[in-house]
PDB file of N, CA and C in Angstrom:
ATOM      1  N   MET A   1      42.428 159.516  29.710  1.00  0.00           N
ATOM      2  CA  MET A   1      41.242 159.536  30.100  1.00  0.00           C
ATOM      3  C   MET A   1      40.658 158.022  29.442  1.00  0.00           C
ATOM      4  N   LYS A   2      41.069 157.596  29.456  1.00  0.00           N
ATOM      5  CA  LYS A   2      40.604 155.846  28.820  1.00  0.00           C
ATOM      6  C   LYS A   2      40.597 155.404  30.445  1.00  0.00           C
ATOM      7  N   ARG A   3      41.426 156.009  31.371  1.00  0.00           N
ATOM      8  CA  ARG A   3      41.467 155.169  33.123  1.00  0.00           C
ATOM      9  C   ARG A   3      40.355 155.882  33.154  1.00  0.00           C
ATOM     10  N   GLU A   4      39.352 156.653  32.854  1.00  0.00           N
ATOM     11  CA  GLU A   4      38.177 157.820  33.518  1.00  0.00           C
ATOM     12  C   GLU A   4      37.177 156.770  33.002  1.00  0.00           C
ATOM     13  N   GLN A   5      36.986 156.208  31.886  1.00  0.00           N
ATOM     14  CA  GLN A   5      36.354 155.785  30.846  1.00  0.00           C
ATOM     15  C   GLN A   5      35.741 154.651  31.264  1.00  0.00           C
ATOM     16  N   PHE A   6      37.080 153.847  32.009  1.00  0.00           N
ATOM     17  CA  PHE A   6      37.170 152.908  32.167  1.00  0.00           C
ATOM     18  C   PHE A   6      36.356 152.527  33.312  1.00  0.00           C
ATOM     19  N   ARG A   7      36.726 153.531  34.101  1.00  0.00           N
ATOM     20  CA  ARG A   7      36.204 153.109  35.625  1.00  0.00           C
ATOM     21  C   ARG A   7      34.698 153.943  35.518  1.00  0.00           C
ATOM     22  N   LEU A   8      34.791 154.546  34.470  1.00  0.00           N
ATOM     23  CA  LEU A   8      33.008 154.478  34.508  1.00  0.00           C
ATOM     24  C   LEU A   8      32.269 153.352  34.076  1.00  0.00           C
ATOM     25  N   LEU A   9      32.512 152.911  33.116  1.00  0.00           N
ATOM     26  CA  LEU A   9      32.096 151.205  32.644  1.00  0.00           C
ATOM     27  C   LEU A   9      32.207 150.839  33.417  1.00  0.00           C
ATOM     28  N   LEU A  10      33.027 150.291  34.310  1.00  0.00           N
ATOM     29  CA  LEU A  10      33.105 149.012  35.807  1.00  0.00           C
ATOM     30  C   LEU A  10      32.012 149.717  36.920  1.00  0.00           C
ATOM     31  N   CYS A  11      31.677 151.320  36.566  1.00  0.00           N
ATOM     32  CA  CYS A  11      30.989 151.861  38.011  1.00  0.00           C
ATOM     33  C   CYS A  11      29.474 151.402  37.628  1.00  0.00           C
ATOM     34  N   LEU A  12      29.164 152.142  36.611  1.00  0.00           N
ATOM     35  CA  LEU A  12      27.664 152.287  36.307  1.00  0.00           C
ATOM     36  C   LEU A  12      26.555 150.716  36.267  1.00  0.00           C
ATOM     37  N   PRO A  13      27.701 149.750  36.081  1.00  0.00           N
ATOM     38  CA  PRO A  13      26.798 148.138  36.049  1.00  0.00           C
ATOM     39  C   PRO A  13      27.082 147.487  37.410  1.00  0.00           C
ATOM     40  N   LEU A  14      27.631 148.524  38.056  1.00  0.00           N
ATOM     41  CA  LEU A  14      28.040 147.942  39.500  1.00  0.00           C
ATOM     42  C   LEU A  14      26.908 148.502  40.533  1.00  0.00           C
ATOM     43  N   ALA A  15      26.712 150.152  39.964  1.00  0.00           N
ATOM     44  CA  ALA A  15      25.813 151.050  40.728  1.00  0.00           C
ATOM     45  C   ALA A  15      23.950 150.302  40.583  1.00  0.00           C
ATOM     46  N   ALA A  16      24.048 149.771  39.566  1.00  0.00           N
ATOM     47  CA  ALA A  16      22.776 149.441  38.711  1.00  0.00           C
ATOM     48  C   ALA A  16      22.559 148.577  39.173  1.00  0.00           C
ATOM     49  N   ALA A  17      23.035 146.963  39.686  1.00  0.00           N
ATOM     50  CA  ALA A  17      23.306 145.913  40.186  1.00  0.00           C
ATOM     51  C   ALA A  17      22.610 145.960  42.055  1.00  0.00           C
ATOM     52  N   VAL A  18      23.355 146.972  42.327  1.00  0.00           N
ATOM     53  CA  VAL A  18      23.374 147.312  44.086  1.00  0.00           C
ATOM     54  C   VAL A  18      21.687 147.846  43.985  1.00  0.00           C
ATOM     55  N   VAL A  19      21.318 148.954  43.079  1.00  0.00           N
ATOM     56  CA  VAL A  19      19.838 149.798  43.154  1.00  0.00           C
ATOM     57  C   VAL A  19      19.021 148.253  42.745  1.00  0.00           C
ATOM     58  N   VAL A  20      18.821 147.752  41.988  1.00  0.00           N
ATOM     59  CA  VAL A  20      18.358 146.318  41.568  1.00  0.00           C
ATOM     60  C   VAL A  20      17.809 145.422  42.698  1.00  0.00           C
ATOM     61  N   SER A  21      19.548 145.125  43.632  1.00  0.00           N
ATOM     62  CA  SER A  21      19.626 144.364  44.793  1.00  0.00           C
ATOM     63  C   SER A  21      18.132 144.993  45.835  1.00  0.00           C
ATOM     64  N   ALA A  22      18.813 146.167  45.704  1.00  0.00           N
ATOM     65  CA  ALA A  22      18.247 147.239  47.036  1.00  0.00           C
ATOM     66  C   ALA A  22      16.494 147.143  47.018  1.00  0.00           C
ATOM     67  N   ILE A  23      15.881 147.366  45.328  1.00  0.00           N
ATOM     68  CA  ILE A  23      14.219 147.290  44.981  1.00  0.00           C
ATOM     69  C   ILE A  23      14.356 146.196  45.275  1.00  0.00           C
ATOM     70  N   TRP A  24      14.609 144.751  45.105  1.00  0.00           N
ATOM     71  CA  TRP A  24      14.554 143.211  45.064  1.00  0.00           C
ATOM     72  C   TRP A  24      14.629 143.185  46.697  1.00  0.00           C
ATOM     73  N   VAL A  25      15.210 143.970  47.394  1.00  0.00           N
ATOM     74  CA  VAL A  25      14.836 143.322  48.974  1.00  0.00           C
ATOM     75  C   VAL A  25      13.931 144.140  49.481  1.00  0.00           C
ATOM     76  N   ILE A  26      13.545 145.384  49.223  1.00  0.00           N
ATOM     77  CA  ILE A  26      12.509 145.927  49.675  1.00  0.00           C
ATOM     78  C   ILE A  26      10.967 145.407  49.015  1.00  0.00           C
ATOM     79  N   LYS A  27      10.710 144.876  48.102  1.00  0.00           N
ATOM     80  CA  LYS A  27       9.870 144.123  47.486  1.00  0.00           C
ATOM     81  C   LYS A  27       9.876 142.389  48.265  1.00  0.00           C
ATOM     82  N   THR A  28      10.681 142.182  48.920  1.00  0.00           N
ATOM     83  CA  THR A  28      10.483 140.779  49.471  1.00  0.00           C
ATOM     84  C   THR A  28      10.343 141.125  50.801  1.00  0.00           C
ATOM     85  N   LYS A  29      10.749 142.304  51.109  1.00  0.00           N
ATOM     86  CA  LYS A  29      10.237 142.720  53.439  1.00  0.00           C
ATOM     87  C   LYS A  29       8.592 142.817  52.981  1.00  0.00           C
ATOM     88  N   HIS A  30       8.512 143.872  51.929  1.00  0.00           N
ATOM     89  CA  HIS A  30       6.864 143.962  51.781  1.00  0.00           C
ATOM     90  C   HIS A  30       6.005 142.528  51.869  1.00  0.00           C
ATOM     91  N   GLU A  31       6.398 141.781  50.926  1.00  0.00           N
ATOM     92  CA  GLU A  31       5.909 140.672  50.354  1.00  0.00           C
ATOM     93  C   GLU A  31       5.722 140.114  52.010  1.00  0.00           C
ATOM     94  N   SER A  32       6.865 139.717  52.152  1.00  0.00           N
ATOM     95  CA  SER A  32       7.094 139.253  53.835  1.00  0.00           C
ATOM     96  C   SER A  32       5.968 139.852  54.861  1.00  0.00           C
ATOM     97  N   ARG A  33       5.832 141.047  55.014  1.00  0.00           N
ATOM     98  CA  ARG A  33       4.763 141.673  55.691  1.00  0.00           C
ATOM     99  C   ARG A  33       3.779 141.367  55.425  1.00  0.00           C
ATOM    100  N   GLN A  34       3.296 140.969  54.189  1.00  0.00           N
ATOM    101  CA  GLN A  34       1.905 140.980  53.979  1.00  0.00           C
ATOM    102  C   GLN A  34       1.518 139.772  54.276  1.00  0.00           C
ATOM    103  N   LEU A  35       2.112 138.931  53.964  1.00  0.00           N
ATOM    104  CA  LEU A  35       2.204 137.530  54.496  1.00  0.00           C
ATOM    105  C   LEU A  35       2.143 137.371  55.576  1.00  0.00           C
ATOM    106  N   PHE A  36       2.608 137.858  56.406  1.00  0.00           N
ATOM    107  CA  PHE A  36       2.479 138.200  58.052  1.00  0.00           C
ATOM    108  C   PHE A  36       1.116 138.283  58.333  1.00  0.00           C
ATOM    109  N   VAL A  37       0.741 139.451  57.824  1.00  0.00           N
ATOM    110  CA  VAL A  37      -0.873 139.808  58.030  1.00  0.00           C
ATOM    111  C   VAL A  37      -1.684 138.460  57.860  1.00  0.00           C
ATOM    112  N   GLU A  38      -1.445 138.070  56.667  1.00  0.00           N
ATOM    113  CA  GLU A  38      -2.584 137.366  56.038  1.00  0.00           C
ATOM    114  C   GLU A  38      -2.246 135.558  57.255  1.00  0.00           C
ATOM    115  N   LEU A  39      -1.150 135.496  57.626  1.00  0.00           N
ATOM    116  CA  LEU A  39      -0.831 134.539  58.319  1.00  0.00           C
ATOM    117  C   LEU A  39      -2.055 134.742  59.480  1.00  0.00           C
ATOM    118  N   GLU A  40      -1.265 136.295  60.376  1.00  0.00           N
ATOM    119  CA  GLU A  40      -2.124 135.941  61.701  1.00  0.00           C
ATOM    120  C   GLU A  40      -3.743 136.343  61.711  1.00  0.00           C
ATOM    121  N   SER A  41      -4.230 136.530  60.312  1.00  0.00           N
ATOM    122  CA  SER A  41      -5.544 136.997  60.197  1.00  0.00           C
ATOM    123  C   SER A  41      -6.112 135.534  60.095  1.00  0.00           C
ATOM    124  N   LEU A  42      -5.886 134.291  59.734  1.00  0.00           N
ATOM    125  CA  LEU A  42      -5.864 133.112  59.604  1.00  0.00           C
ATOM    126  C   LEU A  42      -5.463 132.580  60.745  1.00  0.00           C
ATOM    127  N   ASN A  43      -4.468 132.713  61.692  1.00  0.00           N
ATOM    128  CA  ASN A  43      -4.520 132.112  63.191  1.00  0.00           C
ATOM    129  C   ASN A  43      -5.720 133.093  63.909  1.00  0.00           C
ATOM    130  N   ARG A  44      -6.296 134.263  63.777  1.00  0.00           N
ATOM    131  CA  ARG A  44      -7.235 134.275  64.454  1.00  0.00           C
ATOM    132  C   ARG A  44      -8.484 133.627  64.158  1.00  0.00           C
ATOM    133  N   GLU A  45      -8.885 133.896  62.855  1.00  0.00           N
ATOM    134  CA  GLU A  45     -10.068 132.915  62.072  1.00  0.00           C
ATOM    135  C   GLU A  45     -10.200 131.301  62.875  1.00  0.00           C
ATOM    136  N   ARG A  46      -8.559 130.763  62.274  1.00  0.00           N
ATOM    137  CA  ARG A  46      -8.472 129.301  63.431  1.00  0.00           C
ATOM    138  C   ARG A  46      -9.505 129.030  65.011  1.00  0.00           C
ATOM    139  N   ASP A  47      -8.921 130.361  65.831  1.00  0.00           N
ATOM    140  CA  ASP A  47      -9.451 130.177  66.569  1.00  0.00           C
ATOM    141  C   ASP A  47     -10.587 130.687  66.956  1.00  0.00           C
ATOM    142  N   ARG A  48     -11.005 130.727  65.963  1.00  0.00           N
ATOM    143  CA  ARG A  48     -12.841 131.184  66.439  1.00  0.00           C
ATOM    144  C   ARG A  48     -13.488 130.605  66.343  1.00  0.00           C
ATOM    145  N   LEU A  49     -12.744 129.870  64.806  1.00  0.00           N
ATOM    146  CA  LEU A  49     -13.612 128.317  64.074  1.00  0.00           C
ATOM    147  C   LEU A  49     -13.491 127.701  65.505  1.00  0.00           C
ATOM    148  N   GLN A  50     -12.206 126.996  66.053  1.00  0.00           N
ATOM    149  CA  GLN A  50     -11.759 126.478  66.898  1.00  0.00           C
ATOM    150  C   GLN A  50     -13.025 126.139  68.277  1.00  0.00           C
ATOM    151  N   VAL A  51     -13.491 127.399  68.822  1.00  0.00           N
ATOM    152  CA  VAL A  51     -13.772 128.021  70.066  1.00  0.00           C
ATOM    153  C   VAL A  51     -15.584 127.344  69.263  1.00  0.00           C
ATOM    154  N   ASP A  52     -16.219 127.737  68.380  1.00  0.00           N
ATOM    155  CA  ASP A  52     -17.442 127.971  67.904  1.00  0.00           C
ATOM    156  C   ASP A  52     -17.403 125.798  67.413  1.00  0.00           C
ATOM    157  N   TRP A  53     -16.452 125.235  66.992  1.00  0.00           N
ATOM    158  CA  TRP A  53     -16.304 124.009  67.077  1.00  0.00           C
ATOM    159  C   TRP A  53     -16.570 123.348  68.141  1.00  0.00           C
ATOM    160  N   GLY A  54     -15.889 123.640  69.485  1.00  0.00           N
ATOM    161  CA  GLY A  54     -16.408 123.709  70.629  1.00  0.00           C
ATOM    162  C   GLY A  54     -17.359 123.748  71.228  1.00  0.00           C
ATOM    163  N   ARG A  55     -17.827 124.879  70.888  1.00  0.00           N
ATOM    164  CA  ARG A  55     -19.571 125.099  71.404  1.00  0.00           C
ATOM    165  C   ARG A  55     -20.573 124.285  70.795  1.00  0.00           C
ATOM    166  N   LEU A  56     -20.114 124.049  69.538  1.00  0.00           N
ATOM    167  CA  LEU A  56     -21.247 122.915  68.406  1.00  0.00           C
ATOM    168  C   LEU A  56     -20.974 121.812  68.990  1.00  0.00           C
ATOM    169  N   GLN A  57     -19.913 121.102  69.423  1.00  0.00           N
ATOM    170  CA  GLN A  57     -20.115 119.777  70.407  1.00  0.00           C
ATOM    171  C   GLN A  57     -20.076 119.821  71.494  1.00  0.00           C
ATOM    172  N   LEU A  58     -20.097 120.798  71.952  1.00  0.00           N
ATOM    173  CA  LEU A  58     -20.992 120.309  73.486  1.00  0.00           C
ATOM    174  C   LEU A  58     -22.565 120.935  73.573  1.00  0.00           C
ATOM    175  N   GLU A  59     -23.157 121.559  72.267  1.00  0.00           N
ATOM    176  CA  GLU A  59     -24.280 121.804  71.908  1.00  0.00           C
ATOM    177  C   GLU A  59     -24.689 120.117  71.577  1.00  0.00           C
ATOM    178  N   GLU A  60     -24.501 120.090  70.252  1.00  0.00           N
ATOM    179  CA  GLU A  60     -24.766 118.196  70.388  1.00  0.00           C
ATOM    180  C   GLU A  60     -25.211 117.043  71.271  1.00  0.00           C
ATOM    181  N   SER A  61     -24.124 117.717  72.248  1.00  0.00           N
ATOM    182  CA  SER A  61     -24.086 116.398  73.168  1.00  0.00           C
ATOM    183  C   SER A  61     -25.173 116.764  74.375  1.00  0.00           C
ATOM    184  N   THR A  62     -25.807 118.079  74.328  1.00  0.00           N
ATOM    185  CA  THR A  62     -26.582 118.732  75.074  1.00  0.00           C
ATOM    186  C   THR A  62     -28.304 117.754  74.561  1.00  0.00           C
ATOM    187  N   TRP A  63     -28.130 118.173  73.051  1.00  0.00           N
ATOM    188  CA  TRP A  63     -29.405 117.700  72.290  1.00  0.00           C
ATOM    189  C   TRP A  63     -29.222 116.191  72.405  1.00  0.00           C
ATOM    190  N   GLY A  64     -29.020 115.310  72.748  1.00  0.00           N
ATOM    191  CA  GLY A  64     -28.927 113.640  72.617  1.00  0.00           C
ATOM    192  C   GLY A  64     -29.416 113.165  73.876  1.00  0.00           C
ATOM    193  N   THR A  65     -29.013 114.082  75.587  1.00  0.00           N
ATOM    194  CA  THR A  65     -29.443 113.553  76.175  1.00  0.00           C
ATOM    195  C   THR A  65     -30.611 112.905  76.472  1.00  0.00           C
ATOM    196  N   PRO A  66     -30.495 111.741  77.399  1.00  0.00           N
ATOM    197  CA  PRO A  66     -31.835 110.876  77.461  1.00  0.00           C
ATOM    198  C   PRO A  66     -32.807 111.623  78.535  1.00  0.00           C
ATOM    199  N   ALA A  67     -32.146 112.748  78.759  1.00  0.00           N
ATOM    200  CA  ALA A  67     -33.554 113.483  79.849  1.00  0.00           C
ATOM    201  C   ALA A  67     -34.024 114.263  78.956  1.00  0.00           C
ATOM    202  N   ARG A  68     -33.654 115.016  77.709  1.00  0.00           N
ATOM    203  CA  ARG A  68     -34.102 115.748  76.751  1.00  0.00           C
ATOM    204  C   ARG A  68     -34.986 114.971  75.883  1.00  0.00           C
ATOM    205  N   VAL A  69     -34.459 113.992  75.701  1.00  0.00           N
ATOM    206  CA  VAL A  69     -35.046 113.146  74.669  1.00  0.00           C
ATOM    207  C   VAL A  69     -36.465 112.122  75.028  1.00  0.00           C
ATOM    208  N   GLU A  70     -36.226 111.962  76.691  1.00  0.00           N
ATOM    209  CA  GLU A  70     -37.799 112.107  77.127  1.00  0.00           C
ATOM    210  C   GLU A  70     -38.711 113.186  77.565  1.00  0.00           C
ATOM    211  N   THR A  71     -38.173 114.374  77.578  1.00  0.00           N
ATOM    212  CA  THR A  71     -39.016 114.832  77.742  1.00  0.00           C
ATOM    213  C   THR A  71     -39.494 115.560  76.243  1.00  0.00           C
ATOM    214  N   LEU A  72     -39.429 115.713  75.397  1.00  0.00           N
ATOM    215  CA  LEU A  72     -39.491 115.846  74.062  1.00  0.00           C
ATOM    216  C   LEU A  72     -40.890 114.667  73.791  1.00  0.00           C
ATOM    217  N   ALA A  73     -40.502 113.669  74.135  1.00  0.00           N
ATOM    218  CA  ALA A  73     -41.443 112.301  73.622  1.00  0.00           C
ATOM    219  C   ALA A  73     -42.673 113.030  74.845  1.00  0.00           C
ATOM    220  N   THR A  74     -42.288 113.147  75.875  1.00  0.00           N
ATOM    221  CA  THR A  74     -43.404 113.392  76.829  1.00  0.00           C
ATOM    222  C   THR A  74     -44.340 114.516  76.548  1.00  0.00           C
ATOM    223  N   GLU A  75     -43.692 115.304  76.169  1.00  0.00           N
ATOM    224  CA  GLU A  75     -44.851 116.688  75.481  1.00  0.00           C
ATOM    225  C   GLU A  75     -45.027 117.245  74.207  1.00  0.00           C
ATOM    226  N   GLN A  76     -44.161 116.861  73.222  1.00  0.00           N
ATOM    227  CA  GLN A  76     -44.403 116.915  71.344  1.00  0.00           C
ATOM    228  C   GLN A  76     -45.026 115.757  70.997  1.00  0.00           C
ATOM    229  N   LEU A  77     -44.699 114.392  71.655  1.00  0.00           N
ATOM    230  CA  LEU A  77     -45.460 112.874  70.919  1.00  0.00           C
ATOM    231  C   LEU A  77     -46.603 112.732  71.985  1.00  0.00           C
ATOM    232  N   SER A  78     -46.606 113.237  73.216  1.00  0.00           N
ATOM    233  CA  SER A  78     -47.625 112.704  74.255  1.00  0.00           C
ATOM    234  C   SER A  78     -47.129 111.205  74.791  1.00  0.00           C
ATOM    235  N   LEU A  79     -46.090 110.759  74.619  1.00  0.00           N
ATOM    236  CA  LEU A  79     -45.422 109.535  75.432  1.00  0.00           C
ATOM    237  C   LEU A  79     -45.261 109.007  76.306  1.00  0.00           C
ATOM    238  N   ARG A  80     -45.903 107.851  76.565  1.00  0.00           N
ATOM    239  CA  ARG A  80     -45.928 108.093  78.381  1.00  0.00           C
ATOM    240  C   ARG A  80     -44.854 106.630  78.529  1.00  0.00           C
ATOM    241  N   ARG A  81     -44.490 106.018  79.262  1.00  0.00           N
ATOM    242  CA  ARG A  81     -44.213 104.804  79.408  1.00  0.00           C
ATOM    243  C   ARG A  81     -44.880 104.082  79.948  1.00  0.00           C
ATOM    244  N   PRO A  82     -45.148 103.075  79.373  1.00  0.00           N
ATOM    245  CA  PRO A  82     -45.865 101.868  79.099  1.00  0.00           C
ATOM    246  C   PRO A  82     -46.189 100.999  80.763  1.00  0.00           C
ATOM    247  N   ILE A  83     -47.151 100.492  81.068  1.00  0.00           N
ATOM    248  CA  ILE A  83     -47.782  99.982  82.108  1.00  0.00           C
ATOM    249  C   ILE A  83     -46.786  98.779  82.136  1.00  0.00           C
ATOM    250  N   PRO A  84     -46.456  97.670  82.914  1.00  0.00           N
ATOM    251  CA  PRO A  84     -45.814  96.049  83.078  1.00  0.00           C
ATOM    252  C   PRO A  84     -47.199  95.847  81.868  1.00  0.00           C
ATOM    253  N   GLU A  85     -48.169  95.798  82.196  1.00  0.00           N
ATOM    254  CA  GLU A  85     -48.818  94.552  81.487  1.00  0.00           C
ATOM    255  C   GLU A  85     -48.674  94.963  80.017  1.00  0.00           C
ATOM    256  N   GLN A  86     -48.075  96.024  79.342  1.00  0.00           N
ATOM    257  CA  GLN A  86     -47.745  96.232  78.296  1.00  0.00           C
ATOM    258  C   GLN A  86     -46.607  95.989  77.677  1.00  0.00           C
ATOM    259  N   VAL A  87     -45.752  95.154  78.315  1.00  0.00           N
ATOM    260  CA  VAL A  87     -44.250  94.904  77.677  1.00  0.00           C
ATOM    261  C   VAL A  87     -44.455  93.958  78.020  1.00  0.00           C
ATOM    262  N   VAL A  88     -44.115  93.796  76.948  1.00  0.00           N
ATOM    263  CA  VAL A  88     -43.806  92.011  76.112  1.00  0.00           C
ATOM    264  C   VAL A  88     -42.332  91.652  76.011  1.00  0.00           C
ATOM    265  N   VAL A  89     -41.660  90.383  76.775  1.00  0.00           N
ATOM    266  CA  VAL A  89     -40.055  89.945  76.211  1.00  0.00           C
ATOM    267  C   VAL A  89     -39.975  89.356  75.105  1.00  0.00           C
ATOM    268  N   VAL A  90     -39.197  89.417  74.224  1.00  0.00           N
ATOM    269  CA  VAL A  90     -39.204  88.568  73.423  1.00  0.00           C
ATOM    270  C   VAL A  90     -38.152  88.156  72.960  1.00  0.00           C
ATOM    271  N   ALA A  91     -37.653  86.938  73.119  1.00  0.00           N
ATOM    272  CA  ALA A  91     -36.689  86.340  73.374  1.00  0.00           C
ATOM    273  C   ALA A  91     -36.258  85.426  71.594  1.00  0.00           C
ATOM    274  N   GLU A  92     -35.200  85.282  71.700  1.00  0.00           N
ATOM    275  CA  GLU A  92     -34.708  84.816  70.572  1.00  0.00           C
ATOM    276  C   GLU A  92     -34.729  83.166  70.821  1.00  0.00           C
ATOM    277  N   PRO A  93     -35.235  82.323  69.992  1.00  0.00           N
ATOM    278  CA  PRO A  93     -35.709  80.678  70.005  1.00  0.00           C
ATOM    279  C   PRO A  93     -34.297  80.268  70.402  1.00  0.00           C
ATOM    280  N   LEU A  94     -34.385  79.146  70.748  1.00  0.00           N
ATOM    281  CA  LEU A  94     -32.816  78.525  71.054  1.00  0.00           C
ATOM    282  C   LEU A  94     -32.633  77.383  70.086  1.00  0.00           C
ATOM    283  N   PRO A  95     -31.592  77.581  68.983  1.00  0.00           N
ATOM    284  CA  PRO A  95     -31.749  76.683  68.753  1.00  0.00           C
ATOM    285  C   PRO A  95     -31.591  74.995  68.473  1.00  0.00           C
TER     286      PRO A  95
END
């Protein structure tokens, strides 16, 4: 009888350790899958933002082209190029 009690006392903690270990593995796998899903979502968002950034850089470069600035100055501000008689060249005096 004592031998059976000893085996029972030895097996119960080992069985409990196996159950706790299995639960820990399941919990860790679940967390790993959740983090992977979040990582993929963030990667998709990063890719979308990079596309937007490229589009915005292209748009910014077109807003400042000399042809566009000249068109806006002509149409919205009614500016015209000066005639040669109106141009004054200012030179820095020599020391």
